[in-house]
Amino acid sequence: MILALNLDSALKQLVLGAAWIGRRMKATRFLLIEVPARLVSRARQLVLRISGEHPALALLVDVRRAILALAPGPAS
């Protein structure tokens, strides 16, 4: 549980920004983690298939870009 809380806190501070810092873990779970989508393995890569009309799509794309920006070295 402590590890989950620490990861949630780091995600909010480093990736999601100030608007998410006051939100509870329940909000993170419902808006980011429990998104109805299909995880497909294709060409040795995992692809998340999500509807283009889903409200969380733009947020997930922004989160992915922010996480890639944190990585040291060239991102692929």
PDB file of N, CA and C in Angstrom:
ATOM      1  N   MET A   1       0.818  -1.175   0.000  1.00  0.00           N
ATOM      2  CA  MET A   1       0.000   0.000   0.000  1.00  0.00           C
ATOM      3  C   MET A   1       0.876   1.259   0.000  1.00  0.00           C
ATOM      4  N   ILE A   2       1.942   1.237   0.763  1.00  0.00           N
ATOM      5  CA  ILE A   2       2.835   2.397   0.831  1.00  0.00           C
ATOM      6  C   ILE A   2       3.477   2.657  -0.533  1.00  0.00           C
ATOM      7  N   LEU A   3       3.870   1.596  -1.230  1.00  0.00           N
ATOM      8  CA  LEU A   3       4.463   1.744  -2.553  1.00  0.00           C
ATOM      9  C   LEU A   3       3.460   2.368  -3.524  1.00  0.00           C
ATOM     10  N   ALA A   4       2.213   1.935  -3.466  1.00  0.00           N
ATOM     11  CA  ALA A   4       1.177   2.497  -4.336  1.00  0.00           C
ATOM     12  C   ALA A   4       0.955   3.977  -4.038  1.00  0.00           C
ATOM     13  N   LEU A   5       0.955   4.338  -2.772  1.00  0.00           N
ATOM     14  CA  LEU A   5       0.788   5.745  -2.402  1.00  0.00           C
ATOM     15  C   LEU A   5       1.966   6.596  -2.879  1.00  0.00           C
ATOM     16  N   ASN A   6       3.178   6.061  -2.761  1.00  0.00           N
ATOM     17  CA  ASN A   6       4.354   6.794  -3.218  1.00  0.00           C
ATOM     18  C   ASN A   6       4.351   6.963  -4.737  1.00  0.00           C
ATOM     19  N   LEU A   7       3.973   5.911  -5.469  1.00  0.00           N
ATOM     20  CA  LEU A   7       3.896   6.008  -6.925  1.00  0.00           C
ATOM     21  C   LEU A   7       2.810   6.996  -7.352  1.00  0.00           C
ATOM     22  N   ASP A   8       1.689   6.984  -6.660  1.00  0.00           N
ATOM     23  CA  ASP A   8       0.605   7.918  -6.962  1.00  0.00           C
ATOM     24  C   ASP A   8       1.057   9.359  -6.727  1.00  0.00           C
ATOM     25  N   SER A   9       1.752   9.581  -5.636  1.00  0.00           N
ATOM     26  CA  SER A   9       2.250  10.918  -5.320  1.00  0.00           C
ATOM     27  C   SER A   9       3.271  11.396  -6.356  1.00  0.00           C
ATOM     28  N   ALA A  10       4.189  10.505  -6.750  1.00  0.00           N
ATOM     29  CA  ALA A  10       5.186  10.873  -7.759  1.00  0.00           C
ATOM     30  C   ALA A  10       4.531  11.146  -9.101  1.00  0.00           C
ATOM     31  N   LEU A  11       3.551  10.344  -9.478  1.00  0.00           N
ATOM     32  CA  LEU A  11       2.841  10.551 -10.737  1.00  0.00           C
ATOM     33  C   LEU A  11       2.159  11.913 -10.757  1.00  0.00           C
ATOM     34  N   LYS A  12       1.528  12.271  -9.667  1.00  0.00           N
ATOM     35  CA  LYS A  12       0.833  13.555  -9.589  1.00  0.00           C
ATOM     36  C   LYS A  12       1.813  14.723  -9.676  1.00  0.00           C
ATOM     37  N   GLN A  13       2.920  14.637  -8.961  1.00  0.00           N
ATOM     38  CA  GLN A  13       3.855  15.756  -8.920  1.00  0.00           C
ATOM     39  C   GLN A  13       4.671  15.896 -10.200  1.00  0.00           C
ATOM     40  N   LEU A  14       5.129  14.780 -10.758  1.00  0.00           N
ATOM     41  CA  LEU A  14       6.040  14.837 -11.900  1.00  0.00           C
ATOM     42  C   LEU A  14       5.333  14.868 -13.248  1.00  0.00           C
ATOM     43  N   VAL A  15       4.156  14.275 -13.342  1.00  0.00           N
ATOM     44  CA  VAL A  15       3.528  14.099 -14.647  1.00  0.00           C
ATOM     45  C   VAL A  15       2.214  14.852 -14.776  1.00  0.00           C
ATOM     46  N   LEU A  16       1.338  14.716 -13.810  1.00  0.00           N
ATOM     47  CA  LEU A  16      -0.018  15.251 -13.966  1.00  0.00           C
ATOM     48  C   LEU A  16      -0.138  16.734 -13.649  1.00  0.00           C
ATOM     49  N   GLY A  17       0.698  17.235 -12.800  1.00  0.00           N
ATOM     50  CA  GLY A  17       0.680  18.670 -12.536  1.00  0.00           C
ATOM     51  C   GLY A  17      -0.099  19.065 -11.295  1.00  0.00           C
ATOM     52  N   ALA A  18      -0.176  20.365 -11.072  1.00  0.00           N
ATOM     53  CA  ALA A  18      -0.747  20.919  -9.841  1.00  0.00           C
ATOM     54  C   ALA A  18      -2.236  20.654  -9.700  1.00  0.00           C
ATOM     55  N   ALA A  19      -2.950  20.528 -10.791  1.00  0.00           N
ATOM     56  CA  ALA A  19      -4.393  20.303 -10.718  1.00  0.00           C
ATOM     57  C   ALA A  19      -4.734  18.944 -10.109  1.00  0.00           C
ATOM     58  N   TRP A  20      -3.822  17.999 -10.164  1.00  0.00           N
ATOM     59  CA  TRP A  20      -4.074  16.646  -9.667  1.00  0.00           C
ATOM     60  C   TRP A  20      -3.544  16.411  -8.259  1.00  0.00           C
ATOM     61  N   ILE A  21      -2.739  17.283  -7.726  1.00  0.00           N
ATOM     62  CA  ILE A  21      -2.088  17.034  -6.434  1.00  0.00           C
ATOM     63  C   ILE A  21      -3.121  16.867  -5.316  1.00  0.00           C
ATOM     64  N   GLY A  22      -4.176  17.614  -5.336  1.00  0.00           N
ATOM     65  CA  GLY A  22      -5.187  17.523  -4.286  1.00  0.00           C
ATOM     66  C   GLY A  22      -6.169  16.377  -4.455  1.00  0.00           C
ATOM     67  N   ARG A  23      -6.150  15.715  -5.585  1.00  0.00           N
ATOM     68  CA  ARG A  23      -7.101  14.625  -5.832  1.00  0.00           C
ATOM     69  C   ARG A  23      -6.680  13.356  -5.108  1.00  0.00           C
ATOM     70  N   ARG A  24      -7.678  12.556  -4.786  1.00  0.00           N
ATOM     71  CA  ARG A  24      -7.425  11.299  -4.091  1.00  0.00           C
ATOM     72  C   ARG A  24      -7.010  10.217  -5.079  1.00  0.00           C
ATOM     73  N   MET A  25      -6.487   9.118  -4.546  1.00  0.00           N
ATOM     74  CA  MET A  25      -6.073   7.996  -5.385  1.00  0.00           C
ATOM     75  C   MET A  25      -7.260   7.415  -6.148  1.00  0.00           C
ATOM     76  N   LYS A  26      -8.437   7.519  -5.590  1.00  0.00           N
ATOM     77  CA  LYS A  26      -9.647   7.017  -6.252  1.00  0.00           C
ATOM     78  C   LYS A  26      -9.877   7.732  -7.580  1.00  0.00           C
ATOM     79  N   ALA A  27      -9.631   9.026  -7.625  1.00  0.00           N
ATOM     80  CA  ALA A  27      -9.787   9.780  -8.875  1.00  0.00           C
ATOM     81  C   ALA A  27      -8.774   9.324  -9.913  1.00  0.00           C
ATOM     82  N   THR A  28      -7.545   9.099  -9.494  1.00  0.00           N
ATOM     83  CA  THR A  28      -6.522   8.600 -10.413  1.00  0.00           C
ATOM     84  C   THR A  28      -6.910   7.233 -10.951  1.00  0.00           C
ATOM     85  N   ARG A  29      -7.414   6.389 -10.078  1.00  0.00           N
ATOM     86  CA  ARG A  29      -7.798   5.045 -10.493  1.00  0.00           C
ATOM     87  C   ARG A  29      -8.927   5.080 -11.515  1.00  0.00           C
ATOM     88  N   PHE A  30      -9.959   5.865 -11.264  1.00  0.00           N
ATOM     89  CA  PHE A  30     -11.104   5.886 -12.166  1.00  0.00           C
ATOM     90  C   PHE A  30     -10.821   6.627 -13.471  1.00  0.00           C
ATOM     91  N   LEU A  31      -9.988   7.660 -13.445  1.00  0.00           N
ATOM     92  CA  LEU A  31      -9.768   8.463 -14.645  1.00  0.00           C
ATOM     93  C   LEU A  31      -8.590   7.989 -15.503  1.00  0.00           C
ATOM     94  N   LEU A  32      -7.643   7.262 -14.915  1.00  0.00           N
ATOM     95  CA  LEU A  32      -6.475   6.828 -15.680  1.00  0.00           C
ATOM     96  C   LEU A  32      -6.301   5.318 -15.766  1.00  0.00           C
ATOM     97  N   ILE A  33      -6.555   4.623 -14.684  1.00  0.00           N
ATOM     98  CA  ILE A  33      -6.230   3.199 -14.647  1.00  0.00           C
ATOM     99  C   ILE A  33      -7.377   2.336 -15.150  1.00  0.00           C
ATOM    100  N   GLU A  34      -8.592   2.602 -14.724  1.00  0.00           N
ATOM    101  CA  GLU A  34      -9.732   1.776 -15.095  1.00  0.00           C
ATOM    102  C   GLU A  34     -10.434   2.319 -16.337  1.00  0.00           C
ATOM    103  N   VAL A  35      -9.673   2.547 -17.375  1.00  0.00           N
ATOM    104  CA  VAL A  35     -10.222   3.031 -18.644  1.00  0.00           C
ATOM    105  C   VAL A  35     -10.574   1.815 -19.503  1.00  0.00           C
ATOM    106  N   PRO A  36     -11.795   1.756 -20.044  1.00  0.00           N
ATOM    107  CA  PRO A  36     -12.138   0.613 -20.890  1.00  0.00           C
ATOM    108  C   PRO A  36     -11.346   0.645 -22.193  1.00  0.00           C
ATOM    109  N   ALA A  37     -10.465  -0.312 -22.351  1.00  0.00           N
ATOM    110  CA  ALA A  37      -9.610  -0.388 -23.535  1.00  0.00           C
ATOM    111  C   ALA A  37      -9.171  -1.825 -23.719  1.00  0.00           C
ATOM    112  N   ARG A  38      -8.515  -2.088 -24.813  1.00  0.00           N
ATOM    113  CA  ARG A  38      -8.000  -3.427 -25.092  1.00  0.00           C
ATOM    114  C   ARG A  38      -6.488  -3.320 -25.255  1.00  0.00           C
ATOM    115  N   LEU A  39      -5.769  -4.189 -24.570  1.00  0.00           N
ATOM    116  CA  LEU A  39      -4.320  -4.241 -24.663  1.00  0.00           C
ATOM    117  C   LEU A  39      -3.958  -5.345 -25.645  1.00  0.00           C
ATOM    118  N   VAL A  40      -3.281  -4.979 -26.734  1.00  0.00           N
ATOM    119  CA  VAL A  40      -2.982  -5.905 -27.821  1.00  0.00           C
ATOM    120  C   VAL A  40      -1.475  -6.017 -27.973  1.00  0.00           C
ATOM    121  N   SER A  41      -0.982  -7.232 -28.144  1.00  0.00           N
ATOM    122  CA  SER A  41       0.429  -7.464 -28.427  1.00  0.00           C
ATOM    123  C   SER A  41       0.587  -7.587 -29.937  1.00  0.00           C
ATOM    124  N   ARG A  42       1.350  -6.652 -30.513  1.00  0.00           N
ATOM    125  CA  ARG A  42       1.518  -6.620 -31.954  1.00  0.00           C
ATOM    126  C   ARG A  42       2.958  -6.254 -32.269  1.00  0.00           C
ATOM    127  N   ALA A  43       3.628  -7.104 -33.022  1.00  0.00           N
ATOM    128  CA  ALA A  43       5.011  -6.865 -33.444  1.00  0.00           C
ATOM    129  C   ALA A  43       5.918  -6.595 -32.245  1.00  0.00           C
ATOM    130  N   ARG A  44       5.789  -7.417 -31.216  1.00  0.00           N
ATOM    131  CA  ARG A  44       6.585  -7.326 -29.991  1.00  0.00           C
ATOM    132  C   ARG A  44       6.407  -6.016 -29.239  1.00  0.00           C
ATOM    133  N   GLN A  45       5.279  -5.370 -29.438  1.00  0.00           N
ATOM    134  CA  GLN A  45       4.959  -4.151 -28.710  1.00  0.00           C
ATOM    135  C   GLN A  45       3.561  -4.279 -28.138  1.00  0.00           C
ATOM    136  N   LEU A  46       3.354  -3.643 -26.999  1.00  0.00           N
ATOM    137  CA  LEU A  46       2.025  -3.598 -26.417  1.00  0.00           C
ATOM    138  C   LEU A  46       1.333  -2.331 -26.900  1.00  0.00           C
ATOM    139  N   VAL A  47       0.137  -2.491 -27.425  1.00  0.00           N
ATOM    140  CA  VAL A  47      -0.636  -1.372 -27.959  1.00  0.00           C
ATOM    141  C   VAL A  47      -1.935  -1.278 -27.174  1.00  0.00           C
ATOM    142  N   LEU A  48      -2.257  -0.105 -26.690  1.00  0.00           N
ATOM    143  CA  LEU A  48      -3.509   0.129 -25.987  1.00  0.00           C
ATOM    144  C   LEU A  48      -4.521   0.653 -26.980  1.00  0.00           C
ATOM    145  N   ARG A  49      -5.558  -0.127 -27.211  1.00  0.00           N
ATOM    146  CA  ARG A  49      -6.612   0.283 -28.147  1.00  0.00           C
ATOM    147  C   ARG A  49      -7.748   0.888 -27.340  1.00  0.00           C
ATOM    148  N   ILE A  50      -8.005   2.153 -27.601  1.00  0.00           N
ATOM    149  CA  ILE A  50      -9.025   2.893 -26.874  1.00  0.00           C
ATOM    150  C   ILE A  50      -9.840   3.690 -27.891  1.00  0.00           C
ATOM    151  N   SER A  51     -11.089   3.904 -27.590  1.00  0.00           N
ATOM    152  CA  SER A  51     -11.958   4.656 -28.483  1.00  0.00           C
ATOM    153  C   SER A  51     -11.454   6.091 -28.628  1.00  0.00           C
ATOM    154  N   GLY A  52     -11.487   6.616 -29.839  1.00  0.00           N
ATOM    155  CA  GLY A  52     -11.049   7.990 -30.086  1.00  0.00           C
ATOM    156  C   GLY A  52     -11.938   9.030 -29.447  1.00  0.00           C
ATOM    157  N   GLU A  53     -13.136   8.625 -29.050  1.00  0.00           N
ATOM    158  CA  GLU A  53     -14.083   9.556 -28.435  1.00  0.00           C
ATOM    159  C   GLU A  53     -14.045   9.515 -26.908  1.00  0.00           C
ATOM    160  N   HIS A  54     -13.207   8.653 -26.349  1.00  0.00           N
ATOM    161  CA  HIS A  54     -13.163   8.531 -24.894  1.00  0.00           C
ATOM    162  C   HIS A  54     -12.561   9.791 -24.289  1.00  0.00           C
ATOM    163  N   PRO A  55     -13.154  10.314 -23.214  1.00  0.00           N
ATOM    164  CA  PRO A  55     -12.638  11.565 -22.626  1.00  0.00           C
ATOM    165  C   PRO A  55     -11.237  11.459 -22.026  1.00  0.00           C
ATOM    166  N   ALA A  56     -10.796  10.269 -21.689  1.00  0.00           N
ATOM    167  CA  ALA A  56      -9.474  10.108 -21.079  1.00  0.00           C
ATOM    168  C   ALA A  56      -8.365   9.977 -22.111  1.00  0.00           C
ATOM    169  N   LEU A  57      -8.683   9.912 -23.393  1.00  0.00           N
ATOM    170  CA  LEU A  57      -7.667   9.693 -24.420  1.00  0.00           C
ATOM    171  C   LEU A  57      -6.629  10.810 -24.441  1.00  0.00           C
ATOM    172  N   ALA A  58      -7.065  12.042 -24.447  1.00  0.00           N
ATOM    173  CA  ALA A  58      -6.120  13.167 -24.476  1.00  0.00           C
ATOM    174  C   ALA A  58      -5.253  13.185 -23.221  1.00  0.00           C
ATOM    175  N   LEU A  59      -5.839  12.876 -22.083  1.00  0.00           N
ATOM    176  CA  LEU A  59      -5.077  12.839 -20.838  1.00  0.00           C
ATOM    177  C   LEU A  59      -4.038  11.726 -20.871  1.00  0.00           C
ATOM    178  N   LEU A  60      -4.394  10.557 -21.377  1.00  0.00           N
ATOM    179  CA  LEU A  60      -3.449   9.451 -21.461  1.00  0.00           C
ATOM    180  C   LEU A  60      -2.292   9.771 -22.407  1.00  0.00           C
ATOM    181  N   VAL A  61      -2.574  10.448 -23.497  1.00  0.00           N
ATOM    182  CA  VAL A  61      -1.518  10.835 -24.443  1.00  0.00           C
ATOM    183  C   VAL A  61      -0.572  11.843 -23.784  1.00  0.00           C
ATOM    184  N   ASP A  62      -1.129  12.814 -23.070  1.00  0.00           N
ATOM    185  CA  ASP A  62      -0.300  13.806 -22.383  1.00  0.00           C
ATOM    186  C   ASP A  62       0.559  13.162 -21.286  1.00  0.00           C
ATOM    187  N   VAL A  63      -0.020  12.209 -20.553  1.00  0.00           N
ATOM    188  CA  VAL A  63       0.722  11.519 -19.504  1.00  0.00           C
ATOM    189  C   VAL A  63       1.868  10.718 -20.110  1.00  0.00           C
ATOM    190  N   ARG A  64       1.607  10.042 -21.210  1.00  0.00           N
ATOM    191  CA  ARG A  64       2.649   9.246 -21.879  1.00  0.00           C
ATOM    192  C   ARG A  64       3.802  10.135 -22.346  1.00  0.00           C
ATOM    193  N   ARG A  65       3.476  11.289 -22.923  1.00  0.00           N
ATOM    194  CA  ARG A  65       4.519  12.219 -23.367  1.00  0.00           C
ATOM    195  C   ARG A  65       5.334  12.754 -22.192  1.00  0.00           C
ATOM    196  N   ALA A  66       4.665  13.054 -21.083  1.00  0.00           N
ATOM    197  CA  ALA A  66       5.366  13.583 -19.917  1.00  0.00           C
ATOM    198  C   ALA A  66       6.287  12.519 -19.312  1.00  0.00           C
ATOM    199  N   ILE A  67       5.852  11.266 -19.296  1.00  0.00           N
ATOM    200  CA  ILE A  67       6.687  10.188 -18.768  1.00  0.00           C
ATOM    201  C   ILE A  67       7.904   9.979 -19.681  1.00  0.00           C
ATOM    202  N   LEU A  68       7.706  10.030 -20.995  1.00  0.00           N
ATOM    203  CA  LEU A  68       8.827   9.888 -21.917  1.00  0.00           C
ATOM    204  C   LEU A  68       9.819  11.042 -21.778  1.00  0.00           C
ATOM    205  N   ALA A  69       9.323  12.218 -21.464  1.00  0.00           N
ATOM    206  CA  ALA A  69      10.209  13.377 -21.276  1.00  0.00           C
ATOM    207  C   ALA A  69      11.081  13.215 -20.028  1.00  0.00           C
ATOM    208  N   LEU A  70      10.626  12.442 -19.054  1.00  0.00           N
ATOM    209  CA  LEU A  70      11.410  12.223 -17.837  1.00  0.00           C
ATOM    210  C   LEU A  70      12.554  11.237 -18.044  1.00  0.00           C
ATOM    211  N   ALA A  71      12.444  10.393 -19.047  1.00  0.00           N
ATOM    212  CA  ALA A  71      13.433   9.346 -19.265  1.00  0.00           C
ATOM    213  C   ALA A  71      14.755   9.953 -19.732  1.00  0.00           C
ATOM    214  N   PRO A  72      15.871   9.504 -19.155  1.00  0.00           N
ATOM    215  CA  PRO A  72      17.166  10.004 -19.617  1.00  0.00           C
ATOM    216  C   PRO A  72      17.549   9.343 -20.938  1.00  0.00           C
ATOM    217  N   GLY A  73      18.236  10.075 -21.770  1.00  0.00           N
ATOM    218  CA  GLY A  73      18.702   9.515 -23.046  1.00  0.00           C
ATOM    219  C   GLY A  73      17.632   9.563 -24.112  1.00  0.00           C
ATOM    220  N   PRO A  74      17.922   8.964 -25.247  1.00  0.00           N
ATOM    221  CA  PRO A  74      16.970   8.997 -26.368  1.00  0.00           C
ATOM    222  C   PRO A  74      15.741   8.142 -26.065  1.00  0.00           C
ATOM    223  N   ALA A  75      14.566   8.677 -26.376  1.00  0.00           N
ATOM    224  CA  ALA A  75      13.310   7.952 -26.182  1.00  0.00           C
ATOM    225  C   ALA A  75      12.898   7.316 -27.500  1.00  0.00           C
ATOM    226  N   SER A  76      12.368   6.121 -27.397  1.00  0.00           N
ATOM    227  CA  SER A  76      11.916   5.443 -28.622  1.00  0.00           C
ATOM    228  C   SER A  76      10.454   5.146 -28.569  1.00  0.00           C
TER     229      SER A  76
END
